[in-house]
Amino acid sequence: MKRLLILLIYITVCSNHLYAQESKNNVKIFPNPATSVINILGLKNDQNASIRITDAYGSQVIFHRWAITKNSLNIPVFNLEKGIYLVTIESEHQKVRKKFYKQ
């Protein structure tokens, strides 16, 4: 019984990891480098996704809760300083992290 439970947990964790990797690979971010806005395509629609942008030091610079519609987001970044940023999108159905550069 213990082995079966461990096997089921392992399969669940692995399948969730593969699902997250599959979602991440289909997501595109452009333009990169960005000047005023970033467009993110290939997301799963969701009414309450959290969008977090952090700088190269890990400090949060933007946080919003937005609805993802038409499998995409447009995020204004005109107020960010030049540099490297990480955008993290989390919802019930996905967790995506992508790097972009701000000119």
C-alpha atoms as a PDB file:
ATOM      1  CA  MET A   1       0.000   0.000   0.000  1.00  0.00           C
ATOM      2  CA  LYS A   2       2.849   2.397   0.864  1.00  0.00           C
ATOM      3  CA  ARG A   3       4.562   1.717  -2.452  1.00  0.00           C
ATOM      4  CA  LEU A   4       1.360   2.372  -4.362  1.00  0.00           C
ATOM      5  CA  LEU A   5       0.852   5.674  -2.551  1.00  0.00           C
ATOM      6  CA  ILE A   6       4.448   6.739  -3.215  1.00  0.00           C
ATOM      7  CA  LEU A   7       4.087   5.776  -6.874  1.00  0.00           C
ATOM      8  CA  LEU A   8       0.861   7.781  -7.215  1.00  0.00           C
ATOM      9  CA  ILE A   9       2.481  10.823  -5.597  1.00  0.00           C
ATOM     10  CA  TYR A  10       5.501  10.497  -7.889  1.00  0.00           C
ATOM     11  CA  ILE A  11       3.321  10.215 -11.012  1.00  0.00           C
ATOM     12  CA  THR A  12       1.273  13.251  -9.948  1.00  0.00           C
ATOM     13  CA  VAL A  13       4.350  15.374  -9.293  1.00  0.00           C
ATOM     14  CA  CYS A  14       5.982  14.340 -12.576  1.00  0.00           C
ATOM     15  CA  SER A  15       2.861  14.947 -14.637  1.00  0.00           C
ATOM     16  CA  ASN A  16       2.386  18.385 -13.046  1.00  0.00           C
ATOM     17  CA  HIS A  17       6.016  19.220 -13.808  1.00  0.00           C
ATOM     18  CA  LEU A  18       5.624  18.110 -17.435  1.00  0.00           C
ATOM     19  CA  TYR A  19       2.399  20.109 -17.740  1.00  0.00           C
ATOM     20  CA  ALA A  20       4.148  23.214 -16.410  1.00  0.00           C
ATOM     21  CA  GLN A  21       7.079  22.702 -18.800  1.00  0.00           C
ATOM     22  CA  GLU A  22       4.715  22.242 -21.746  1.00  0.00           C
ATOM     23  CA  SER A  23       2.854  25.457 -20.878  1.00  0.00           C
ATOM     24  CA  LYS A  24       6.076  27.362 -20.437  1.00  0.00           C
ATOM     25  CA  ASN A  25       7.489  26.277 -23.801  1.00  0.00           C
ATOM     26  CA  ASN A  26       4.433  27.512 -25.710  1.00  0.00           C
ATOM     27  CA  VAL A  27       4.535  30.998 -24.179  1.00  0.00           C
ATOM     28  CA  LYS A  28       6.135  33.766 -26.246  1.00  0.00           C
ATOM     29  CA  ILE A  29       7.086  37.242 -25.069  1.00  0.00           C
ATOM     30  CA  PHE A  30       7.760  40.126 -27.455  1.00  0.00           C
ATOM     31  CA  PRO A  31       9.190  42.594 -28.274  1.00  0.00           C
ATOM     32  CA  ASN A  32      12.332  41.589 -26.483  1.00  0.00           C
ATOM     33  CA  PRO A  33      13.988  43.962 -25.753  1.00  0.00           C
ATOM     34  CA  ALA A  34      10.911  45.999 -24.877  1.00  0.00           C
ATOM     35  CA  THR A  35      10.459  49.754 -24.772  1.00  0.00           C
ATOM     36  CA  SER A  36       6.908  50.520 -23.601  1.00  0.00           C
ATOM     37  CA  VAL A  37       4.878  47.287 -23.540  1.00  0.00           C
ATOM     38  CA  ILE A  38       5.430  43.526 -23.530  1.00  0.00           C
ATOM     39  CA  ASN A  39       3.033  41.149 -25.241  1.00  0.00           C
ATOM     40  CA  ILE A  40       2.739  37.616 -23.915  1.00  0.00           C
ATOM     41  CA  LEU A  41       1.096  34.966 -26.089  1.00  0.00           C
ATOM     42  CA  GLY A  42       0.248  31.312 -25.440  1.00  0.00           C
ATOM     43  CA  LEU A  43      -1.237  31.689 -21.969  1.00  0.00           C
ATOM     44  CA  LYS A  44      -4.298  29.886 -20.665  1.00  0.00           C
ATOM     45  CA  ASN A  45      -7.341  32.114 -20.174  1.00  0.00           C
ATOM     46  CA  ASP A  46      -8.108  32.857 -16.535  1.00  0.00           C
ATOM     47  CA  GLN A  47     -10.235  35.419 -14.703  1.00  0.00           C
ATOM     48  CA  ASN A  48      -7.805  35.988 -11.838  1.00  0.00           C
ATOM     49  CA  ALA A  49      -4.137  35.579 -12.726  1.00  0.00           C
ATOM     50  CA  SER A  50      -1.398  37.206 -10.707  1.00  0.00           C
ATOM     51  CA  ILE A  51       1.281  38.937 -12.750  1.00  0.00           C
ATOM     52  CA  ARG A  52       4.533  39.781 -11.003  1.00  0.00           C
ATOM     53  CA  ILE A  53       7.574  41.484 -12.513  1.00  0.00           C
ATOM     54  CA  THR A  54      10.854  41.392 -10.617  1.00  0.00           C
ATOM     55  CA  ASP A  55      14.159  43.030 -11.433  1.00  0.00           C
ATOM     56  CA  ALA A  56      17.534  41.291 -11.724  1.00  0.00           C
ATOM     57  CA  TYR A  57      17.980  41.557  -7.936  1.00  0.00           C
ATOM     58  CA  GLY A  58      14.679  39.806  -7.219  1.00  0.00           C
ATOM     59  CA  SER A  59      12.852  42.940  -6.068  1.00  0.00           C
ATOM     60  CA  GLN A  60       9.215  43.127  -7.103  1.00  0.00           C
ATOM     61  CA  VAL A  61       8.584  46.162  -9.301  1.00  0.00           C
ATOM     62  CA  ILE A  62       5.076  45.405 -10.616  1.00  0.00           C
ATOM     63  CA  PHE A  63       2.245  43.262  -9.256  1.00  0.00           C
ATOM     64  CA  HIS A  64      -1.294  43.054 -10.639  1.00  0.00           C
ATOM     65  CA  ARG A  65      -4.204  40.655 -10.786  1.00  0.00           C
ATOM     66  CA  TRP A  66      -5.525  40.575 -14.328  1.00  0.00           C
ATOM     67  CA  ALA A  67      -7.871  38.475 -16.385  1.00  0.00           C
ATOM     68  CA  ILE A  68      -6.148  36.640 -19.212  1.00  0.00           C
ATOM     69  CA  THR A  69      -8.329  36.726 -22.329  1.00  0.00           C
ATOM     70  CA  LYS A  70      -7.613  35.577 -25.869  1.00  0.00           C
ATOM     71  CA  ASN A  71      -4.652  33.618 -24.449  1.00  0.00           C
ATOM     72  CA  SER A  72      -2.555  36.778 -24.176  1.00  0.00           C
ATOM     73  CA  LEU A  73      -1.549  39.734 -22.042  1.00  0.00           C
ATOM     74  CA  ASN A  74      -0.240  43.208 -22.811  1.00  0.00           C
ATOM     75  CA  ILE A  75       1.731  44.657 -19.918  1.00  0.00           C
ATOM     76  CA  PRO A  76       2.902  48.289 -19.905  1.00  0.00           C
ATOM     77  CA  VAL A  77       6.569  48.570 -18.894  1.00  0.00           C
ATOM     78  CA  PHE A  78       7.344  52.147 -19.972  1.00  0.00           C
ATOM     79  CA  ASN A  79       8.045  53.201 -16.365  1.00  0.00           C
ATOM     80  CA  LEU A  80      10.706  50.505 -15.760  1.00  0.00           C
ATOM     81  CA  GLU A  81      14.409  51.310 -15.828  1.00  0.00           C
ATOM     82  CA  LYS A  82      16.616  49.690 -18.467  1.00  0.00           C
ATOM     83  CA  GLY A  83      17.622  46.178 -17.463  1.00  0.00           C
ATOM     84  CA  ILE A  84      16.720  42.512 -17.144  1.00  0.00           C
ATOM     85  CA  TYR A  85      13.361  41.505 -15.669  1.00  0.00           C
ATOM     86  CA  LEU A  86      11.481  38.314 -14.888  1.00  0.00           C
ATOM     87  CA  VAL A  87       7.728  38.163 -15.424  1.00  0.00           C
ATOM     88  CA  THR A  88       5.859  35.480 -13.459  1.00  0.00           C
ATOM     89  CA  ILE A  89       2.277  34.626 -14.307  1.00  0.00           C
ATOM     90  CA  GLU A  90       0.408  32.381 -11.876  1.00  0.00           C
ATOM     91  CA  SER A  91      -3.144  31.142 -12.058  1.00  0.00           C
ATOM     92  CA  GLU A  92      -5.102  28.036 -11.211  1.00  0.00           C
ATOM     93  CA  HIS A  93      -4.033  26.415 -14.495  1.00  0.00           C
ATOM     94  CA  GLN A  94      -0.485  27.601 -15.058  1.00  0.00           C
ATOM     95  CA  LYS A  95       2.716  29.049 -13.714  1.00  0.00           C
ATOM     96  CA  VAL A  96       4.963  30.700 -16.271  1.00  0.00           C
ATOM     97  CA  ARG A  97       8.240  32.549 -15.842  1.00  0.00           C
ATOM     98  CA  LYS A  98       9.878  34.416 -18.683  1.00  0.00           C
ATOM     99  CA  LYS A  99      12.796  36.797 -18.874  1.00  0.00           C
ATOM    100  CA  PHE A 100      12.727  40.026 -20.867  1.00  0.00           C
ATOM    101  CA  TYR A 101      14.954  43.011 -21.385  1.00  0.00           C
ATOM    102  CA  LYS A 102      13.825  46.643 -21.082  1.00  0.00           C
ATOM    103  CA  GLN A 103      15.631  49.167 -23.311  1.00  0.00           C
END
